[in-house]
Amino acid sequence: MADEVNRFLGDSPARTIVKLIVVSLIVGFVMTVFDVRPWDVFYGIRDFVLDLWHRGFKALGAVGDYLVVGATIVIPAFVILRILSYRR
């Protein structure tokens, strides 16, 4: 069981906890220096995903507009060509 835990953590549990504490202190210091709070990161990611979501649907709307504009020429041309080729 201990070997499985060590394999999962990558090291012994005590050494892993010490490494996590040291990295947490460094990251916390850097975030404090740049005045970044955890909620700022969370809201930034959330806003990024929402903005991407809304822009994506806006892009799909533009594709739909292109489809309708193109169809106003292509569909009548297709029907006319089918009628002309039907006579043969």
Protein backbone atom coordinates (compact mmCIF):
# COMPACT_ATOMS: atom_id res chain seq x y z
CA MET A 1 0.00 0.00 0.00
CA ALA A 2 2.82 2.41 0.88
CA ASP A 3 4.48 1.77 -2.48
CA GLU A 4 1.24 2.63 -4.28
CA VAL A 5 0.90 5.89 -2.32
CA ASN A 6 4.54 6.78 -3.02
CA ARG A 7 4.07 6.00 -6.70
CA PHE A 8 0.90 8.14 -6.83
CA LEU A 9 2.51 11.11 -5.03
CA GLY A 10 5.87 10.74 -6.76
CA ASP A 11 7.69 10.68 -3.41
CA SER A 12 7.00 9.94 0.23
CA PRO A 13 3.99 11.71 1.74
CA ALA A 14 6.13 13.83 4.09
CA ARG A 15 8.45 15.04 1.32
CA THR A 16 5.45 15.74 -0.93
CA ILE A 17 3.80 17.86 1.79
CA VAL A 18 7.02 19.84 2.31
CA LYS A 19 7.35 20.43 -1.45
CA LEU A 20 3.73 21.59 -1.66
CA ILE A 21 4.21 23.99 1.27
CA VAL A 22 7.35 25.51 -0.29
CA VAL A 23 5.71 25.92 -3.71
CA SER A 24 2.57 27.38 -2.09
CA LEU A 25 4.67 29.97 -0.25
CA ILE A 26 6.50 30.96 -3.44
CA VAL A 27 3.30 31.20 -5.50
CA GLY A 28 1.54 33.11 -2.71
CA PHE A 29 4.41 35.59 -2.50
CA VAL A 30 4.45 36.15 -6.27
CA MET A 31 0.66 36.58 -6.37
CA THR A 32 0.82 39.09 -3.51
CA VAL A 33 3.58 41.07 -5.23
CA PHE A 34 1.47 41.33 -8.40
CA ASP A 35 -1.72 41.94 -6.37
CA VAL A 36 -3.49 38.92 -7.83
CA ARG A 37 -6.06 37.16 -5.68
CA PRO A 38 -7.34 33.60 -6.23
CA TRP A 39 -10.82 34.92 -7.04
CA ASP A 40 -9.32 37.20 -9.70
CA VAL A 41 -7.85 34.14 -11.39
CA PHE A 42 -11.15 32.26 -11.11
CA TYR A 43 -13.19 35.17 -12.49
CA GLY A 44 -10.63 35.75 -15.25
CA ILE A 45 -10.94 32.16 -16.41
CA ARG A 46 -14.73 32.31 -16.15
CA ASP A 47 -14.90 35.57 -18.12
CA PHE A 48 -12.54 34.16 -20.75
CA VAL A 49 -14.72 31.08 -21.26
CA LEU A 50 -17.92 33.15 -21.37
CA ASP A 51 -16.41 35.62 -23.84
CA LEU A 52 -15.20 32.76 -26.01
CA TRP A 53 -18.65 31.17 -25.81
CA HIS A 54 -20.44 34.36 -26.85
CA ARG A 55 -17.99 35.18 -29.61
CA GLY A 56 -18.29 31.63 -30.89
CA PHE A 57 -22.04 31.92 -31.31
CA LYS A 58 -21.57 35.35 -32.87
CA ALA A 59 -19.20 33.75 -35.39
CA LEU A 60 -21.75 31.03 -36.07
CA GLY A 61 -24.33 33.77 -36.66
CA ALA A 62 -22.03 35.34 -39.24
CA VAL A 63 -21.66 31.94 -40.95
CA GLY A 64 -25.44 31.69 -41.01
CA ASP A 65 -25.65 35.12 -42.63
CA TYR A 66 -23.13 34.06 -45.28
CA LEU A 67 -25.15 30.91 -45.89
CA VAL A 68 -28.39 32.83 -46.45
CA VAL A 69 -26.76 35.42 -48.72
CA GLY A 70 -25.06 32.72 -50.78
CA ALA A 71 -28.22 30.65 -50.95
CA THR A 72 -30.13 33.54 -52.53
CA ILE A 73 -27.89 33.13 -55.59
CA VAL A 74 -27.03 29.42 -55.50
CA ILE A 75 -30.53 27.95 -55.04
CA PRO A 76 -32.17 29.80 -57.97
CA ALA A 77 -29.14 29.07 -60.16
CA PHE A 78 -29.36 25.38 -59.20
CA VAL A 79 -33.08 25.26 -59.99
CA ILE A 80 -32.58 26.98 -63.35
CA LEU A 81 -29.71 24.63 -64.28
CA ARG A 82 -31.80 21.59 -63.27
CA ILE A 83 -34.73 22.81 -65.38
CA LEU A 84 -32.48 23.42 -68.39
CA SER A 85 -30.80 20.02 -68.05
CA TYR A 86 -34.21 18.32 -67.64
CA ARG A 87 -35.16 19.25 -71.21
CA ARG A 88 -32.35 17.15 -72.67
